[in-house]
């Protein structure tokens, strides 16, 4: 099995240089809607044309490992047979952050970038995050530096860790295929030199997992795309939103993701968080939503938005313009109850 996985890894890495790219979504036309979709016809699946791994499919569609596995829990990640159907993500609820700059929702291992020159679009990328003992920080920051083909100066704490595991590191890792920073690095204005960066050939399948020392790791082509478009000073929002709700065409969706390693949100707590978000979105204290659909979403935790509530569309009032023949001027006696009509006249239809 090991040699088989190594062989497929070689195939997958070749694909990186020719096929991986971000997914660009059109933002909804309706103000206030915040659910985007990739396949409007709802066909979010792919038919496998040759034996491969689930991780090869993730690479092909710019998905992270955790995401593709949660969507296909019954499929062997190391061997998909020709003719099998693999489920892909379709809709995404945008995180509850300003639609400006970069948002990293570490709960879903996904980045959202709102390019300043292209209003109405959002680009989405898969990424890896910090391990349980090296957590990715949360909060608002900015991009303060960009470096192409960076050298890596591993901190002393990381060098000690590697040495203890029998894998000593040099003081400087030069640019190249085995550099953990990959070909691009965007430095964040945070203590400790946190970055958004690429990956080395040995860690390509770590995208979409908790695998870093706190940095955000991306596919090689994805980080190069981001690097070329993001100006210095771009705001970056690092958030943890495992449950999100959002509107699309008067339908409210809930999207739920599993807990990160080392964290455990009980089902009751998860339900309470979802209910609070639903109440906030609907403006109702006791909205009549689909309880069964919500419970299923909070059980599956597969990251696919589920419709739970439909609101009545607001109808814009149209002025009624009466036809000329229908407008009559009638005389009434001064004793009429319509005492507000000067001269004893009123206009009726």
Protein backbone atom coordinates (compact mmCIF):
# COMPACT_ATOMS: atom_id res chain seq x y z
CA UNK A 1 0.00 0.00 0.00
CA UNK A 2 2.83 2.38 0.79
CA UNK A 3 4.42 2.02 -2.66
CA UNK A 4 0.99 2.46 -4.27
CA UNK A 5 0.42 5.71 -2.38
CA UNK A 6 3.89 6.95 -3.28
CA UNK A 7 3.21 6.25 -6.95
CA UNK A 8 -0.05 8.14 -6.89
CA UNK A 9 1.66 10.95 -5.01
CA UNK A 10 4.04 11.35 -7.94
CA UNK A 11 1.13 11.54 -10.35
CA UNK A 12 -0.67 14.02 -8.14
CA UNK A 13 2.34 16.30 -7.83
CA UNK A 14 2.67 16.47 -11.61
CA UNK A 15 -0.95 17.64 -11.68
CA UNK A 16 -0.12 20.55 -9.39
CA UNK A 17 1.86 22.33 -12.05
CA UNK A 18 -0.88 21.99 -14.66
CA UNK A 19 -4.33 21.99 -13.11
CA UNK A 20 -4.76 23.36 -9.60
CA UNK A 21 -6.26 26.82 -9.34
CA UNK A 22 -8.59 28.76 -7.10
CA UNK A 23 -12.36 28.69 -7.38
CA UNK A 24 -13.91 32.06 -8.21
CA UNK A 25 -17.52 32.62 -7.20
CA UNK A 26 -19.92 35.36 -8.26
CA UNK A 27 -21.43 37.11 -5.26
CA UNK A 28 -25.25 36.98 -5.08
CA UNK A 29 -27.17 39.77 -6.81
CA UNK A 30 -29.57 40.24 -3.90
CA UNK A 31 -28.22 42.55 -1.18
CA UNK A 32 -27.83 40.66 2.08
CA UNK A 33 -27.47 37.23 0.44
CA UNK A 34 -24.19 35.57 1.41
CA UNK A 35 -24.28 32.05 -0.05
CA UNK A 36 -22.26 31.39 -3.21
CA UNK A 37 -22.51 28.37 -5.48
CA UNK A 38 -20.26 26.76 -8.05
CA UNK A 39 -22.74 24.49 -9.81
CA UNK A 40 -26.12 26.29 -10.18
CA UNK A 41 -27.65 23.15 -11.70
CA UNK A 42 -26.88 21.27 -8.47
CA UNK A 43 -24.70 18.58 -10.11
CA UNK A 44 -21.81 18.69 -7.65
CA UNK A 45 -20.24 15.29 -8.43
CA UNK A 46 -17.49 13.91 -10.62
CA UNK A 47 -17.25 10.51 -12.33
CA UNK A 48 -13.86 8.87 -11.78
CA UNK A 49 -12.27 7.91 -15.12
CA UNK A 50 -9.31 5.90 -13.77
CA UNK A 51 -8.21 4.37 -10.47
CA UNK A 52 -6.83 7.07 -8.21
CA UNK A 53 -6.99 8.39 -4.64
CA UNK A 54 -9.49 10.74 -3.07
CA UNK A 55 -6.60 13.13 -2.52
CA UNK A 56 -5.94 13.26 -6.26
CA UNK A 57 -9.53 14.45 -6.69
CA UNK A 58 -8.97 17.05 -3.96
CA UNK A 59 -5.95 18.37 -5.86
CA UNK A 60 -7.87 18.53 -9.11
CA UNK A 61 -10.67 20.61 -7.60
CA UNK A 62 -8.55 22.71 -5.19
CA UNK A 63 -10.04 21.05 -2.12
CA UNK A 64 -8.43 20.19 1.18
CA UNK A 65 -8.05 16.66 2.52
CA UNK A 66 -10.46 17.05 5.44
CA UNK A 67 -13.10 18.60 3.18
CA UNK A 68 -13.09 15.88 0.51
CA UNK A 69 -13.08 13.09 3.10
CA UNK A 70 -16.03 14.53 5.05
CA UNK A 71 -18.05 14.80 1.83
CA UNK A 72 -17.27 11.18 0.93
CA UNK A 73 -17.09 9.26 4.23
CA UNK A 74 -17.76 5.85 2.63
CA UNK A 75 -15.00 6.07 0.02
CA UNK A 76 -11.51 4.68 0.65
CA UNK A 77 -9.27 7.74 0.43
CA UNK A 78 -6.40 5.66 -0.95
CA UNK A 79 -8.24 3.87 -3.75
CA UNK A 80 -11.18 5.04 -5.82
CA UNK A 81 -12.15 2.68 -8.61
CA UNK A 82 -12.91 3.81 -12.15
CA UNK A 83 -16.63 4.48 -12.49
CA UNK A 84 -17.20 5.59 -8.89
CA UNK A 85 -18.89 8.93 -8.25
CA UNK A 86 -17.25 11.42 -5.89
CA UNK A 87 -19.22 14.17 -4.23
CA UNK A 88 -17.90 17.72 -4.52
CA UNK A 89 -18.81 20.87 -2.59
CA UNK A 90 -21.28 23.18 -4.30
CA UNK A 91 -22.53 26.02 -2.12
CA UNK A 92 -20.55 27.88 0.52
CA UNK A 93 -21.79 30.25 3.19
CA UNK A 94 -19.42 33.21 3.28
CA UNK A 95 -17.88 33.78 6.72
CA UNK A 96 -19.32 36.56 8.85
CA UNK A 97 -16.55 39.09 8.14
CA UNK A 98 -16.23 42.23 6.00
CA UNK A 99 -16.16 41.47 2.27
CA UNK A 100 -12.77 43.10 2.03
CA UNK A 101 -9.30 41.60 1.72
CA UNK A 102 -8.64 38.06 2.96
CA UNK A 103 -10.72 35.98 5.36
CA UNK A 104 -9.28 32.75 6.76
CA UNK A 105 -11.90 30.56 8.42
CA UNK A 106 -9.68 28.01 10.10
CA UNK A 107 -12.67 25.83 11.01
CA UNK A 108 -13.20 24.95 7.35
CA UNK A 109 -9.55 25.15 6.21
CA UNK A 110 -10.58 27.70 3.61
CA UNK A 111 -9.65 31.19 2.54
CA UNK A 112 -11.85 33.81 0.88
CA UNK A 113 -10.27 36.70 -1.00
CA UNK A 114 -12.30 39.67 -2.25
CA UNK A 115 -10.16 41.20 -5.05
CA UNK A 116 -10.43 44.99 -4.86
CA UNK A 117 -10.54 45.47 -8.62
CA UNK A 118 -13.30 42.94 -9.22
CA UNK A 119 -16.40 43.82 -7.25
CA UNK A 120 -18.97 41.05 -7.16
CA UNK A 121 -16.40 38.24 -7.00
CA UNK A 122 -14.77 36.19 -4.28
CA UNK A 123 -11.88 33.78 -4.77
CA UNK A 124 -11.68 30.72 -2.54
CA UNK A 125 -8.65 28.56 -1.69
CA UNK A 126 -8.04 25.48 0.45
CA UNK A 127 -5.26 25.71 3.05
CA UNK A 128 -3.68 23.98 6.02
CA UNK A 129 -3.48 25.46 9.53
CA UNK A 130 -1.57 25.10 12.77
CA UNK A 131 -1.44 21.89 14.74
CA UNK A 132 -3.13 21.47 18.09
CA UNK A 133 0.06 22.51 19.88
CA UNK A 134 0.94 25.27 17.40
CA UNK A 135 -2.38 27.03 16.86
CA UNK A 136 -2.98 29.55 14.10
CA UNK A 137 -3.79 32.88 15.79
CA UNK A 138 -7.14 34.64 15.43
CA UNK A 139 -7.92 38.30 14.87
CA UNK A 140 -7.51 41.07 12.32
CA UNK A 141 -4.14 41.85 10.77
CA UNK A 142 -2.61 42.94 7.47
CA UNK A 143 -0.13 41.75 4.86
CA UNK A 144 3.10 43.63 5.60
CA UNK A 145 5.63 41.85 3.36
CA UNK A 146 5.73 39.56 0.33
CA UNK A 147 8.71 37.38 -0.60
CA UNK A 148 9.24 35.31 -3.72
CA UNK A 149 11.27 32.10 -3.31
CA UNK A 150 11.84 32.71 0.40
CA UNK A 151 14.53 31.07 2.49
CA UNK A 152 13.33 29.59 5.78
CA UNK A 153 15.04 30.40 9.07
CA UNK A 154 13.47 27.82 11.42
CA UNK A 155 13.06 29.13 14.98
CA UNK A 156 15.08 27.41 17.70
CA UNK A 157 11.93 25.79 19.13
CA UNK A 158 11.17 24.09 15.81
CA UNK A 159 14.80 23.02 15.39
CA UNK A 160 14.71 21.40 18.84
CA UNK A 161 11.50 19.57 17.95
CA UNK A 162 12.94 18.23 14.70
CA UNK A 163 16.18 17.20 16.40
CA UNK A 164 14.22 15.28 19.04
CA UNK A 165 12.42 13.43 16.24
CA UNK A 166 15.68 12.50 14.53
CA UNK A 167 15.18 15.03 11.72
CA UNK A 168 17.63 17.89 12.41
CA UNK A 169 17.17 21.14 10.52
CA UNK A 170 19.86 23.55 9.32
CA UNK A 171 19.82 27.14 10.47
CA UNK A 172 18.69 28.21 7.00
CA UNK A 173 16.67 26.17 4.50
CA UNK A 174 17.35 27.65 1.04
CA UNK A 175 14.66 28.09 -1.62
CA UNK A 176 13.82 24.91 -3.49
CA UNK A 177 11.36 22.00 -3.70
CA UNK A 178 11.98 20.93 -0.10
CA UNK A 179 11.54 24.36 1.44
CA UNK A 180 8.40 24.26 3.66
CA UNK A 181 7.52 27.84 2.62
CA UNK A 182 7.24 26.89 -1.03
CA UNK A 183 7.73 29.52 -3.73
CA UNK A 184 5.81 32.42 -2.15
CA UNK A 185 5.26 33.87 1.31
CA UNK A 186 2.97 36.66 2.49
CA UNK A 187 3.98 37.87 5.96
CA UNK A 188 1.29 38.92 8.43
CA UNK A 189 1.58 41.75 10.91
CA UNK A 190 1.54 39.43 13.92
CA UNK A 191 4.12 38.63 16.61
CA UNK A 192 6.02 35.44 15.82
CA UNK A 193 6.36 35.84 12.04
CA UNK A 194 3.21 34.12 10.84
CA UNK A 195 2.82 33.74 7.09
CA UNK A 196 0.52 32.60 4.32
CA UNK A 197 2.84 30.49 2.20
CA UNK A 198 3.16 27.59 -0.21
CA UNK A 199 4.31 24.07 0.52
CA UNK A 200 7.10 21.64 -0.26
CA UNK A 201 6.72 18.46 -2.26
CA UNK A 202 6.72 16.33 0.90
CA UNK A 203 3.70 18.01 2.46
CA UNK A 204 1.35 18.54 -0.48
CA UNK A 205 -1.39 16.36 1.00
CA UNK A 206 -1.34 18.40 4.22
CA UNK A 207 -3.48 21.08 2.61
CA UNK A 208 -6.79 21.06 4.44
CA UNK A 209 -5.33 19.64 7.66
CA UNK A 210 -3.83 20.81 10.96
CA UNK A 211 -0.22 20.32 10.02
CA UNK A 212 1.75 23.57 10.35
CA UNK A 213 3.50 25.41 13.19
CA UNK A 214 0.79 28.07 13.04
CA UNK A 215 1.21 29.39 9.51
CA UNK A 216 -1.31 29.03 6.70
CA UNK A 217 -0.13 26.62 4.00
CA UNK A 218 -1.51 26.62 0.43
CA UNK A 219 -1.16 24.66 -2.80
CA UNK A 220 1.78 25.94 -4.91
CA UNK A 221 -0.25 27.43 -7.77
CA UNK A 222 -2.83 28.84 -5.38
CA UNK A 223 -0.29 30.79 -3.34
CA UNK A 224 1.28 32.13 -6.53
CA UNK A 225 -2.13 33.31 -7.74
CA UNK A 226 -2.81 34.98 -4.40
CA UNK A 227 0.68 36.50 -4.23
CA UNK A 228 0.28 38.22 -7.60
CA UNK A 229 -3.06 39.81 -6.67
CA UNK A 230 -2.78 40.84 -3.02
CA UNK A 231 -1.28 44.29 -2.39
CA UNK A 232 0.64 45.18 0.75
CA UNK A 233 -1.63 46.47 3.49
CA UNK A 234 -4.46 44.09 2.56
CA UNK A 235 -6.59 43.34 5.65
CA UNK A 236 -6.61 39.72 6.83
CA UNK A 237 -9.33 38.34 9.11
CA UNK A 238 -8.46 35.09 10.89
CA UNK A 239 -11.66 33.63 12.34
CA UNK A 240 -12.97 30.35 13.69
CA UNK A 241 -16.57 29.84 12.55
CA UNK A 242 -17.44 26.10 12.52
CA UNK A 243 -21.14 26.93 12.05
CA UNK A 244 -22.34 29.53 9.57
CA UNK A 245 -25.76 30.58 8.29
CA UNK A 246 -26.57 32.57 5.18
CA UNK A 247 -29.29 33.60 2.76
CA UNK A 248 -29.69 32.81 -0.93
CA UNK A 249 -32.90 33.61 -2.80
CA UNK A 250 -35.00 33.87 0.40
CA UNK A 251 -33.73 30.50 1.64
CA UNK A 252 -31.66 30.29 4.82
CA UNK A 253 -28.85 27.74 4.83
CA UNK A 254 -26.77 26.34 7.68
CA UNK A 255 -23.23 25.04 7.15
CA UNK A 256 -21.50 23.00 9.86
CA UNK A 257 -17.92 21.75 10.13
CA UNK A 258 -16.29 19.27 12.54
CA UNK A 259 -14.31 20.38 15.57
CA UNK A 260 -10.61 21.02 15.21
CA UNK A 261 -8.23 18.64 16.94
CA UNK A 262 -8.08 19.29 20.66
CA UNK A 263 -11.47 20.98 20.69
CA UNK A 264 -14.84 19.42 21.38
CA UNK A 265 -18.18 21.12 21.01
CA UNK A 266 -21.02 18.98 22.34
CA UNK A 267 -24.18 18.54 20.29
CA UNK A 268 -26.20 20.73 22.66
CA UNK A 269 -23.66 23.52 22.43
CA UNK A 270 -23.50 23.17 18.67
CA UNK A 271 -27.30 23.40 18.46
CA UNK A 272 -27.31 26.49 20.71
CA UNK A 273 -24.77 28.23 18.49
CA UNK A 274 -26.78 27.38 15.37
CA UNK A 275 -30.04 28.54 16.93
CA UNK A 276 -28.52 31.87 17.91
CA UNK A 277 -27.30 32.42 14.36
CA UNK A 278 -30.70 31.48 12.93
CA UNK A 279 -32.48 33.89 15.25
CA UNK A 280 -30.07 36.65 14.29
CA UNK A 281 -30.52 35.98 10.57
CA UNK A 282 -34.31 35.80 10.65
CA UNK A 283 -34.91 38.47 13.28
CA UNK A 284 -37.29 36.08 15.03
CA UNK A 285 -36.98 34.70 18.54
CA UNK A 286 -38.78 31.47 17.66
CA UNK A 287 -38.45 30.95 13.89
CA UNK A 288 -40.22 27.91 12.44
CA UNK A 289 -37.31 26.23 10.68
CA UNK A 290 -36.73 22.65 9.58
CA UNK A 291 -35.55 21.00 12.81
CA UNK A 292 -34.82 17.68 11.11
CA UNK A 293 -32.62 19.30 8.46
CA UNK A 294 -30.72 21.28 11.10
CA UNK A 295 -30.14 18.21 13.27
CA UNK A 296 -28.87 16.28 10.26
CA UNK A 297 -26.47 19.07 9.30
CA UNK A 298 -25.12 19.24 12.87
CA UNK A 299 -24.65 15.45 12.83
CA UNK A 300 -23.07 15.06 9.40
CA UNK A 301 -20.72 18.06 9.77
CA UNK A 302 -19.77 17.69 6.12
CA UNK A 303 -19.55 21.41 5.36
CA UNK A 304 -22.32 21.37 2.75
CA UNK A 305 -24.95 24.11 3.31
CA UNK A 306 -28.42 22.75 4.08
CA UNK A 307 -31.66 24.70 3.56
CA UNK A 308 -33.59 25.05 6.81
CA UNK A 309 -35.90 28.06 6.48
CA UNK A 310 -37.76 29.93 3.75
CA UNK A 311 -38.97 33.46 4.17
CA UNK A 312 -41.82 35.12 2.31
CA UNK A 313 -40.34 37.43 -0.33
CA UNK A 314 -40.93 41.12 0.29
CA UNK A 315 -43.21 42.43 -2.42
CA UNK A 316 -42.49 45.93 -3.60
CA UNK A 317 -45.71 47.94 -3.59
CA UNK A 318 -46.73 49.10 -7.05
CA UNK A 319 -48.69 52.36 -7.36
CA UNK A 320 -52.15 51.79 -8.82
CA UNK A 321 -52.80 54.17 -11.69
CA UNK A 322 -56.57 54.18 -12.38
CA UNK A 323 -57.87 54.36 -15.87
CA UNK A 324 -59.41 57.68 -16.86
CA UNK A 325 -62.92 56.23 -17.31
CA UNK A 326 -62.89 54.90 -13.78
CA UNK A 327 -62.26 58.25 -12.11
CA UNK A 328 -65.56 59.97 -11.21
CA UNK A 329 -66.33 63.24 -9.50
CA UNK A 330 -69.47 62.91 -7.44
CA UNK A 331 -71.52 65.53 -5.57
CA UNK A 332 -72.46 64.85 -1.99
CA UNK A 333 -74.67 66.75 0.39
CA UNK A 334 -73.13 68.99 3.01
CA UNK A 335 -74.39 66.57 5.60
CA UNK A 336 -72.14 63.85 4.28
CA UNK A 337 -69.80 62.14 6.72
CA UNK A 338 -66.95 63.11 4.39
CA UNK A 339 -66.47 66.48 6.06
CA UNK A 340 -62.88 66.72 5.02
CA UNK A 341 -63.66 67.29 1.35
CA UNK A 342 -63.75 71.00 0.50
CA UNK A 343 -66.84 72.06 -1.46
CA UNK A 344 -68.60 68.80 -0.75
CA UNK A 345 -66.70 66.84 -3.40
CA UNK A 346 -64.56 63.71 -3.27
CA UNK A 347 -62.71 61.69 -5.80
CA UNK A 348 -63.52 58.04 -5.99
CA UNK A 349 -62.96 55.08 -8.26
